[in-house]
Amino acid sequence: MSQRSDLRRRRAALENEWSRLVPQMRSAGSRPGGGEALPDAVTDSWVRSLSSVDPRRDSAPVTDGGAVHHRWSDSPLRHPVDGLADELHSIAEDAGFVTALTDESGTILWTCGGRTMRRRAERVNFAPGGRWDEQAMGTNALSLALRTGRPSSVFSAEHLVTALHDWVCYCAPVHDADGRVLGVLDMSTTWDRSNPLAMSTVRTLAATVQARLRTEPQLRPRDTTDPVRLTCLGAEQAVRNAAPLPLRPRQLEILTLLALEPDGYTPERLREAVYGDRPVTASTFKAEISHLRRALDGGVATRRYALTAPLTCDAAEVLRALENGDTDTALRLYRGPLLPRSEAPGIEEWRTHLEVAVREAVLASARPEHALRYGERAAYDVEVHEHALRLLDPRDTRRAVAAGRLTTALRD
C-alpha cells in the first residue's frame, strides 16, 4: 500500500511539473528554470521533441503503413529473439507487461504480452509498425535509449505525450559487435505496476539477445522471406510466393488460431481450442504442430506455441480494421465465415466473434452502403435491412433493393 501511495505521489508531482513546464517550453522554445523533480535527460528531450511532436497526440505514427514484416524478416535481431520468444512471452505475461523490440530507427518490429495489456498498448500504437523515436513520439524510454545508447526508464508524466502518462517503460539497447545500436528492447506497463526490478530484467534480456547475436549463426536471406498469406474468411488456403502450402485442414485451423492470437497458446490451451473434449493423443497433436512448423520453415515457437514467421491473415486484418473504426475495410475483407467447414471449438468461438463484431459495426454505421453491402450475404437479417432503409434517402433508388431484401426476410 505504501509503495502504491509513493507511486501516486510521484505521478502527481510529475503531472504538476509537466503542466508548469511544457507550456513554457512551447512558447519560449527553450528550457525554463526549475523542474527539480525531473531528470535533465527528460527536460532536455522535452525541448527537442516539442519542435516536431504535439503533446496531445493520441498515438504513435506508422512506418510503411504498418507493414513491417519485411523489416522483421531481414533484421539481424530476429533469430536471437525467436530463440528467446518463450521466455519473453512468459516474463511479459507473468509480470503484466508488454514487451517490444524496435529497429535502429525506433520502429517496433515485434511485441508480446497478455491480451489485455497488448490491446491497451495498441491504442497508442505501441505495436509493430509504430514509430517511437524522439522526432515521432517525443520523450519516451525507447527514444532515450536510441539516442544515448544506454538503458533508460520513463515514468508517467515524464513522457511528453499525455496519452502515455498512464505508462512506465523500461528499455535497453542492443548493440552489434562494433557498438552500433541495432534496436531497443522495451518492457512497458501501467504506472501503478512500476517495479525497479524491471530495469535489471530488461537489461539482462537485452544482453542475452546481444550475446546470441554474436555467437549464434544468423539466418541467411532466402527467397521465401515473403510472408505467408492466410485466407480463412469464406475460404481455407495458405500461400507463400504464389504457391499453396501443403497444409491439412487441422493444420490450417492451428495456423488460423495462431494468427489471431499473436501472443500464442500454451500447449494445453491450443489442444483444447483445436480438439475440445475429443480424445486425441499427445503424439497426434504434436505431429500436427511439427508438420506446420516444417511448412513454415520453423516459424512456430516451441513450449508456448506462437508464430515467429511473417504472416498476413484476412481475419486478423478485419479485426484490426474494426478496432480502428474502418468499417469499409472490414466489409471489403470479410468475405464469409471463418474456416466455414471447421468444427474446432477455438475456430467456432472466433467465427462467432468476427460475425458479431462486423454486424455490430454495420448497425452502428451511419452510412447506408455498409448495411447494403452486408445485406448481400445476410439475406434473412431483418434488422440490417431495416437499418439500410432508415439510412437511405426516400429518393435513393437503392431503397428498392433494401425493401426487396426485407420483404424476403420477413416472408421466410
Protein backbone atom coordinates (compact mmCIF):
# COMPACT_ATOMS: atom_id res chain seq x y z
CA MET A 1 0.00 0.00 0.00
CA SER A 2 2.89 2.32 0.85
CA GLN A 3 4.54 1.64 -2.50
CA ARG A 4 1.30 2.44 -4.34
CA SER A 5 0.97 5.70 -2.37
CA ASP A 6 4.57 6.63 -3.19
CA LEU A 7 3.94 5.99 -6.88
CA ARG A 8 0.76 8.04 -6.79
CA ARG A 9 2.58 10.97 -5.15
CA ARG A 10 5.38 10.74 -7.67
CA ARG A 11 2.90 10.69 -10.54
CA ALA A 12 1.07 13.74 -9.16
CA ALA A 13 4.32 15.67 -8.76
CA LEU A 14 5.33 14.89 -12.32
CA GLU A 15 1.93 15.90 -13.67
CA ASN A 16 2.33 19.26 -11.92
CA GLU A 17 5.79 19.72 -13.42
CA TRP A 18 4.52 18.77 -16.86
CA SER A 19 1.64 21.26 -16.61
CA ARG A 20 4.00 24.02 -15.47
CA LEU A 21 6.98 23.45 -17.76
CA VAL A 22 5.67 22.19 -21.09
CA PRO A 23 3.55 25.29 -21.89
CA GLN A 24 6.58 27.48 -21.09
CA MET A 25 8.81 25.41 -23.32
CA ARG A 26 6.32 25.55 -26.19
CA SER A 27 6.18 29.33 -26.05
CA ALA A 28 9.86 30.02 -25.30
CA GLY A 29 11.42 27.20 -27.31
CA SER A 30 13.94 26.61 -24.52
CA ARG A 31 14.23 25.02 -21.11
CA PRO A 32 12.99 27.22 -18.24
CA GLY A 33 14.32 27.12 -14.72
CA GLY A 34 13.10 24.63 -12.14
CA GLY A 35 11.92 21.13 -12.85
CA GLU A 36 13.76 19.61 -9.88
CA ALA A 37 11.51 16.52 -9.94
CA LEU A 38 12.65 15.71 -13.47
CA PRO A 39 15.93 14.24 -14.74
CA ASP A 40 17.87 16.56 -17.02
CA ALA A 41 17.66 13.97 -19.81
CA VAL A 42 13.87 14.22 -19.70
CA THR A 43 13.57 18.01 -19.77
CA ASP A 44 16.25 18.28 -22.47
CA SER A 45 14.29 15.75 -24.51
CA TRP A 46 11.08 17.72 -24.00
CA VAL A 47 12.72 20.80 -25.50
CA ARG A 48 13.96 18.86 -28.52
CA SER A 49 10.68 16.99 -29.00
CA LEU A 50 8.36 19.99 -28.94
CA SER A 51 9.62 21.14 -32.33
CA SER A 52 8.08 18.08 -34.00
CA VAL A 53 5.58 16.48 -31.59
CA ASP A 54 2.23 17.70 -30.32
CA PRO A 55 1.98 16.60 -26.67
CA ARG A 56 -1.74 15.97 -27.17
CA ARG A 57 -1.33 13.43 -29.95
CA ASP A 58 -3.12 10.18 -29.17
CA SER A 59 -0.87 7.54 -30.73
CA ALA A 60 2.43 6.90 -32.46
CA PRO A 61 2.70 7.47 -36.23
CA VAL A 62 3.03 4.49 -38.54
CA THR A 63 6.04 3.40 -40.60
CA ASP A 64 5.41 1.93 -44.07
CA GLY A 65 1.68 1.74 -43.48
CA GLY A 66 2.29 -0.59 -40.54
CA ALA A 67 3.64 -3.37 -42.79
CA VAL A 68 6.97 -4.23 -41.16
CA HIS A 69 7.16 -7.98 -41.80
CA HIS A 70 9.96 -7.47 -44.36
CA ARG A 71 11.95 -5.43 -41.85
CA TRP A 72 11.49 -8.13 -39.23
CA SER A 73 12.32 -10.94 -41.67
CA ASP A 74 15.59 -9.22 -42.63
CA SER A 75 16.51 -8.00 -39.14
CA PRO A 76 19.68 -9.45 -37.59
CA LEU A 77 17.75 -9.42 -34.28
CA ARG A 78 15.06 -11.82 -35.46
CA HIS A 79 16.96 -15.07 -34.93
CA PRO A 80 18.17 -14.24 -31.38
CA VAL A 81 14.70 -13.03 -30.36
CA ASP A 82 13.00 -16.09 -31.85
CA GLY A 83 15.25 -18.20 -29.64
CA LEU A 84 14.11 -16.26 -26.57
CA ALA A 85 10.45 -15.99 -27.58
CA ASP A 86 9.15 -18.43 -24.96
CA GLU A 87 11.00 -16.68 -22.15
CA LEU A 88 9.94 -13.22 -23.34
CA HIS A 89 6.30 -14.29 -23.57
CA SER A 90 6.41 -15.85 -20.11
CA ILE A 91 8.02 -12.83 -18.43
CA ALA A 92 5.65 -10.36 -20.10
CA GLU A 93 2.51 -12.29 -19.19
CA ASP A 94 3.55 -13.18 -15.64
CA ALA A 95 4.54 -9.60 -14.80
CA GLY A 96 1.72 -7.86 -16.67
CA PHE A 97 3.99 -6.14 -19.20
CA VAL A 98 4.06 -5.60 -22.95
CA THR A 99 7.47 -6.36 -24.40
CA ALA A 100 8.59 -4.79 -27.67
CA LEU A 101 11.64 -4.74 -29.90
CA THR A 102 12.47 -1.89 -32.28
CA ASP A 103 14.96 -1.48 -35.09
CA GLU A 104 17.57 1.26 -35.15
CA SER A 105 15.01 3.81 -36.38
CA GLY A 106 12.68 3.31 -33.41
CA THR A 107 10.08 1.37 -35.41
CA ILE A 108 8.57 -1.51 -33.45
CA LEU A 109 9.11 -4.84 -35.21
CA TRP A 110 7.83 -7.34 -32.64
CA THR A 111 5.75 -7.38 -29.45
CA CYS A 112 4.38 -9.86 -26.96
CA GLY A 113 2.26 -9.72 -23.81
CA GLY A 114 -1.10 -10.66 -22.37
CA ARG A 115 -4.13 -9.83 -24.46
CA THR A 116 -5.45 -7.10 -22.13
CA MET A 117 -2.16 -5.21 -21.91
CA ARG A 118 -1.45 -5.68 -25.59
CA ARG A 119 -4.84 -4.28 -26.59
CA ARG A 120 -4.24 -1.30 -24.30
CA ALA A 121 -0.82 -0.74 -25.87
CA GLU A 122 -2.29 -0.90 -29.36
CA ARG A 123 -4.47 2.12 -28.56
CA VAL A 124 -1.33 4.27 -28.61
CA ASN A 125 0.14 2.18 -31.47
CA PHE A 126 2.70 0.52 -29.24
CA ALA A 127 2.61 -2.26 -31.82
CA PRO A 128 4.53 -3.43 -34.90
CA GLY A 129 4.82 -0.52 -37.33
CA GLY A 130 4.60 2.21 -34.67
CA ARG A 131 7.39 4.82 -34.69
CA TRP A 132 8.79 5.66 -31.23
CA ASP A 133 11.87 7.75 -31.98
CA GLU A 134 12.03 11.18 -30.38
CA GLN A 135 11.05 13.09 -33.51
CA ALA A 136 7.93 10.95 -33.94
CA MET A 137 6.70 10.36 -30.38
CA GLY A 138 8.67 12.70 -28.16
CA THR A 139 10.22 11.75 -24.85
CA ASN A 140 9.91 8.07 -24.01
CA ALA A 141 12.25 5.33 -22.84
CA LEU A 142 12.70 3.93 -26.35
CA SER A 143 13.70 7.28 -27.80
CA LEU A 144 16.13 8.00 -24.96
CA ALA A 145 17.78 4.57 -25.26
CA LEU A 146 18.13 5.07 -29.02
CA ARG A 147 19.64 8.49 -28.57
CA THR A 148 22.05 7.68 -25.75
CA GLY A 149 22.80 4.02 -26.43
CA ARG A 150 22.19 3.35 -22.72
CA PRO A 151 19.35 1.76 -20.71
CA SER A 152 16.54 4.16 -19.87
CA SER A 153 13.26 4.30 -17.97
CA VAL A 154 10.47 6.87 -18.21
CA PHE A 155 7.63 7.06 -15.68
CA SER A 156 4.16 8.52 -16.20
CA ALA A 157 4.27 12.28 -16.90
CA GLU A 158 7.97 12.17 -17.73
CA HIS A 159 6.58 11.22 -21.14
CA LEU A 160 6.00 14.29 -23.26
CA VAL A 161 2.80 12.93 -24.83
CA THR A 162 -0.10 12.93 -22.38
CA ALA A 163 -1.56 9.71 -23.81
CA LEU A 164 1.46 7.95 -22.29
CA HIS A 165 1.10 9.34 -18.76
CA ASP A 166 -0.56 6.10 -17.64
CA TRP A 167 2.57 4.11 -18.57
CA VAL A 168 6.02 3.29 -17.26
CA CYS A 169 8.63 1.95 -19.68
CA TYR A 170 12.00 0.24 -19.20
CA CYS A 171 14.42 -0.09 -22.13
CA ALA A 172 17.86 -1.35 -23.01
CA PRO A 173 19.58 -1.03 -26.40
CA VAL A 174 21.02 -3.97 -28.31
CA HIS A 175 24.43 -3.33 -29.93
CA ASP A 176 26.27 -5.16 -32.67
CA ALA A 177 29.93 -6.19 -32.37
CA ASP A 178 31.03 -2.70 -33.46
CA GLY A 179 28.92 -0.96 -30.82
CA ARG A 180 26.24 0.25 -33.23
CA VAL A 181 22.69 0.27 -31.82
CA LEU A 182 20.61 -2.25 -33.79
CA GLY A 183 17.43 -1.72 -31.80
CA VAL A 184 15.92 -1.41 -28.35
CA LEU A 185 14.21 -3.96 -26.11
CA ASP A 186 11.39 -2.43 -24.09
CA MET A 187 9.16 -3.62 -21.24
CA SER A 188 6.16 -1.39 -20.54
CA THR A 189 3.21 -1.49 -18.15
CA THR A 190 0.86 0.86 -16.31
CA TRP A 191 2.43 3.33 -13.87
CA ASP A 192 0.92 1.64 -10.81
CA ARG A 193 2.89 -1.55 -11.61
CA SER A 194 6.22 0.28 -11.64
CA ASN A 195 8.94 -2.03 -10.34
CA PRO A 196 12.66 -1.23 -10.14
CA LEU A 197 13.46 -4.90 -10.83
CA ALA A 198 12.05 -4.45 -14.34
CA MET A 199 15.11 -2.46 -15.38
CA SER A 200 17.52 -5.20 -14.39
CA THR A 201 15.30 -7.73 -16.17
CA VAL A 202 15.24 -5.82 -19.45
CA ARG A 203 18.99 -5.20 -19.28
CA THR A 204 19.62 -8.92 -18.79
CA LEU A 205 17.32 -9.85 -21.66
CA ALA A 206 18.91 -7.30 -23.99
CA ALA A 207 22.36 -8.60 -23.03
CA THR A 208 21.19 -12.14 -23.83
CA VAL A 209 19.91 -11.04 -27.26
CA GLN A 210 23.22 -9.27 -27.84
CA ALA A 211 25.24 -12.35 -26.82
CA ARG A 212 23.19 -14.61 -29.09
CA LEU A 213 23.62 -12.13 -31.91
CA ARG A 214 27.39 -12.56 -31.67
CA THR A 215 27.59 -16.31 -31.06
CA GLU A 216 24.73 -17.91 -32.99
CA PRO A 217 24.72 -18.33 -36.78
CA GLN A 218 22.35 -15.92 -38.43
CA LEU A 219 19.65 -16.90 -40.88
CA ARG A 220 20.75 -16.22 -44.40
CA PRO A 221 18.36 -14.32 -46.67
CA ARG A 222 16.08 -16.71 -48.54
CA ASP A 223 13.73 -16.38 -51.45
CA THR A 224 10.96 -17.45 -49.07
CA THR A 225 11.15 -14.42 -46.78
CA ASP A 226 7.90 -13.17 -48.26
CA PRO A 227 5.17 -13.65 -45.67
CA VAL A 228 2.64 -16.42 -45.76
CA ARG A 229 -0.80 -15.15 -46.82
CA LEU A 230 -3.54 -16.92 -44.92
CA THR A 231 -7.07 -16.65 -46.32
CA CYS A 232 -9.57 -18.06 -43.85
CA LEU A 233 -12.75 -15.99 -44.34
CA GLY A 234 -15.09 -17.95 -46.57
CA ALA A 235 -12.07 -19.92 -47.78
CA GLU A 236 -9.24 -22.12 -46.49
CA GLN A 237 -5.83 -21.50 -48.02
CA ALA A 238 -2.29 -20.55 -47.05
CA VAL A 239 0.02 -19.32 -49.82
CA ARG A 240 3.65 -18.20 -49.99
CA ASN A 241 5.33 -16.91 -53.14
CA ALA A 242 2.14 -17.73 -55.09
CA ALA A 243 2.44 -21.42 -54.12
CA PRO A 244 -0.08 -23.09 -51.76
CA LEU A 245 1.42 -24.51 -48.58
CA PRO A 246 0.75 -28.26 -48.18
CA LEU A 247 -1.38 -28.00 -45.03
CA ARG A 248 -4.16 -30.31 -43.93
CA PRO A 249 -7.41 -28.84 -42.53
CA ARG A 250 -6.25 -29.38 -38.93
CA GLN A 251 -3.02 -27.53 -39.59
CA LEU A 252 -4.92 -24.66 -41.18
CA GLU A 253 -7.03 -24.46 -38.04
CA ILE A 254 -3.91 -24.27 -35.89
CA LEU A 255 -2.34 -21.65 -38.19
CA THR A 256 -5.52 -19.56 -38.06
CA LEU A 257 -5.65 -19.68 -34.26
CA LEU A 258 -2.00 -18.63 -34.01
CA ALA A 259 -2.61 -15.80 -36.49
CA LEU A 260 -5.49 -14.48 -34.39
CA GLU A 261 -3.58 -14.83 -31.09
CA PRO A 262 -0.16 -13.22 -31.69
CA ASP A 263 0.87 -13.92 -28.11
CA GLY A 264 0.35 -17.61 -28.69
CA TYR A 265 -1.03 -20.52 -26.71
CA THR A 266 0.13 -22.89 -24.05
CA PRO A 267 0.12 -26.45 -25.44
CA GLU A 268 -2.87 -27.35 -23.27
CA ARG A 269 -4.94 -24.36 -24.35
CA LEU A 270 -4.16 -24.81 -28.04
CA ARG A 271 -5.01 -28.51 -27.89
CA GLU A 272 -8.37 -27.66 -26.28
CA ALA A 273 -9.05 -24.95 -28.89
CA VAL A 274 -8.42 -27.44 -31.70
CA TYR A 275 -9.92 -30.66 -30.34
CA GLY A 276 -12.18 -29.69 -27.45
CA ASP A 277 -13.17 -32.77 -25.46
CA ARG A 278 -12.33 -35.23 -28.22
CA PRO A 279 -9.89 -37.99 -27.17
CA VAL A 280 -6.73 -37.21 -29.14
CA THR A 281 -3.30 -38.47 -28.21
CA ALA A 282 -0.48 -36.07 -27.43
CA SER A 283 1.58 -37.57 -30.24
CA THR A 284 -1.18 -36.80 -32.78
CA PHE A 285 -1.35 -33.19 -31.63
CA LYS A 286 2.44 -32.79 -31.67
CA ALA A 287 2.61 -34.31 -35.15
CA GLU A 288 0.23 -31.62 -36.47
CA ILE A 289 2.39 -28.91 -34.88
CA SER A 290 5.57 -30.44 -36.29
CA HIS A 291 4.14 -30.57 -39.80
CA LEU A 292 3.03 -26.94 -39.55
CA ARG A 293 6.44 -25.90 -38.21
CA ARG A 294 8.20 -27.62 -41.13
CA ALA A 295 5.86 -25.96 -43.65
CA LEU A 296 6.74 -22.58 -42.13
CA ASP A 297 10.47 -23.34 -42.06
CA GLY A 298 10.50 -23.46 -38.28
CA GLY A 299 8.19 -20.46 -37.84
CA VAL A 300 6.36 -21.73 -34.72
CA ALA A 301 7.90 -21.23 -31.28
CA THR A 302 8.29 -24.23 -29.00
CA ARG A 303 6.91 -24.72 -25.49
CA ARG A 304 4.49 -21.83 -25.95
CA TYR A 305 3.10 -22.05 -29.46
CA ALA A 306 3.27 -18.73 -31.29
CA LEU A 307 4.15 -17.65 -34.83
CA THR A 308 7.67 -16.41 -35.43
CA ALA A 309 7.43 -16.42 -39.25
CA PRO A 310 5.96 -13.41 -41.10
CA LEU A 311 2.29 -13.92 -41.92
CA THR A 312 -0.67 -11.87 -43.07
CA CYS A 313 -4.22 -13.02 -42.38
CA ASP A 314 -7.52 -11.65 -43.69
CA ALA A 315 -9.34 -12.35 -40.41
CA ALA A 316 -6.69 -10.51 -38.37
CA GLU A 317 -6.91 -7.59 -40.81
CA VAL A 318 -10.70 -7.45 -40.34
CA LEU A 319 -10.24 -7.27 -36.56
CA ARG A 320 -7.61 -4.55 -36.91
CA ALA A 321 -9.88 -2.54 -39.23
CA LEU A 322 -12.77 -2.80 -36.77
CA GLU A 323 -10.54 -1.68 -33.90
CA ASN A 324 -9.56 1.36 -35.99
CA GLY A 325 -13.18 2.15 -36.85
CA ASP A 326 -12.58 1.35 -40.52
CA THR A 327 -15.84 -0.41 -41.44
CA ASP A 328 -15.15 0.00 -45.17
CA THR A 329 -12.01 -2.14 -44.99
CA ALA A 330 -13.59 -4.65 -42.63
CA LEU A 331 -16.51 -5.25 -45.01
CA ARG A 332 -14.25 -5.45 -48.04
CA LEU A 333 -12.16 -8.17 -46.39
CA TYR A 334 -14.98 -10.05 -44.67
CA ARG A 335 -15.93 -12.48 -47.43
CA GLY A 336 -17.61 -15.10 -45.28
CA PRO A 337 -17.40 -17.05 -42.02
CA LEU A 338 -14.08 -18.10 -40.56
CA LEU A 339 -12.98 -21.52 -41.89
CA PRO A 340 -16.61 -22.41 -42.67
CA ARG A 341 -16.09 -26.20 -42.52
CA SER A 342 -14.22 -26.23 -39.21
CA GLU A 343 -15.76 -27.57 -36.02
CA ALA A 344 -12.77 -26.78 -33.80
CA PRO A 345 -14.03 -25.03 -30.61
CA GLY A 346 -11.47 -22.24 -30.89
CA ILE A 347 -12.37 -21.56 -34.52
CA GLU A 348 -16.10 -21.60 -33.74
CA GLU A 349 -15.51 -19.06 -30.96
CA TRP A 350 -13.50 -16.75 -33.22
CA ARG A 351 -16.06 -17.26 -36.04
CA THR A 352 -18.87 -16.01 -33.81
CA HIS A 353 -16.75 -13.13 -32.54
CA LEU A 354 -15.99 -11.95 -36.07
CA GLU A 355 -19.59 -12.28 -37.27
CA VAL A 356 -20.92 -10.33 -34.29
CA ALA A 357 -18.22 -7.66 -34.49
CA VAL A 358 -18.77 -6.99 -38.20
CA ARG A 359 -22.56 -6.94 -37.83
CA GLU A 360 -22.40 -4.54 -34.87
CA ALA A 361 -20.11 -2.22 -36.84
CA VAL A 362 -22.64 -2.20 -39.69
CA LEU A 363 -25.54 -1.42 -37.36
CA ALA A 364 -23.52 1.36 -35.70
CA SER A 365 -22.60 2.93 -39.06
CA ALA A 366 -24.49 5.93 -40.41
CA ARG A 367 -23.62 5.01 -43.99
CA PRO A 368 -26.31 3.03 -45.85
CA GLU A 369 -23.80 1.39 -48.19
CA HIS A 370 -22.43 -0.56 -45.23
CA ALA A 371 -25.81 -2.10 -44.47
CA LEU A 372 -26.45 -2.72 -48.17
CA ARG A 373 -23.11 -4.45 -48.65
CA TYR A 374 -23.51 -6.59 -45.54
CA GLY A 375 -27.09 -7.35 -46.54
CA GLU A 376 -25.87 -9.07 -49.72
CA ARG A 377 -24.79 -12.08 -47.66
CA ALA A 378 -27.22 -11.69 -44.75
CA ALA A 379 -30.41 -12.40 -46.67
CA TYR A 380 -32.50 -13.10 -43.57
CA ASP A 381 -31.19 -10.39 -41.26
CA VAL A 382 -34.28 -8.23 -40.84
CA GLU A 383 -32.54 -5.70 -38.57
CA VAL A 384 -29.79 -4.99 -41.12
CA HIS A 385 -32.28 -4.44 -43.96
CA GLU A 386 -34.41 -2.16 -41.77
CA HIS A 387 -31.27 -0.23 -40.84
CA ALA A 388 -30.46 0.27 -44.52
CA LEU A 389 -33.95 1.60 -45.23
CA ARG A 390 -33.75 4.06 -42.31
CA LEU A 391 -30.48 5.47 -43.63
CA LEU A 392 -31.41 5.71 -47.30
CA ASP A 393 -32.88 8.92 -48.67
CA PRO A 394 -36.51 8.48 -49.82
CA ARG A 395 -35.40 9.27 -53.38
CA ASP A 396 -32.47 6.84 -53.35
CA THR A 397 -33.08 4.11 -55.92
CA ARG A 398 -31.25 1.62 -53.69
CA ARG A 399 -34.27 1.61 -51.39
CA ALA A 400 -35.86 -0.91 -53.74
CA VAL A 401 -33.01 -3.34 -53.11
CA ALA A 402 -33.23 -2.98 -49.33
CA ALA A 403 -37.03 -3.19 -49.37
CA GLY A 404 -36.94 -6.34 -51.50
CA ARG A 405 -34.47 -7.98 -49.13
CA LEU A 406 -36.58 -7.03 -46.13
CA THR A 407 -39.72 -8.44 -47.70
CA THR A 408 -37.96 -11.73 -48.42
CA ALA A 409 -36.53 -11.92 -44.90
CA LEU A 410 -39.96 -11.27 -43.30
CA ARG A 411 -41.70 -13.76 -45.57
CA ASP A 412 -39.29 -16.55 -44.68
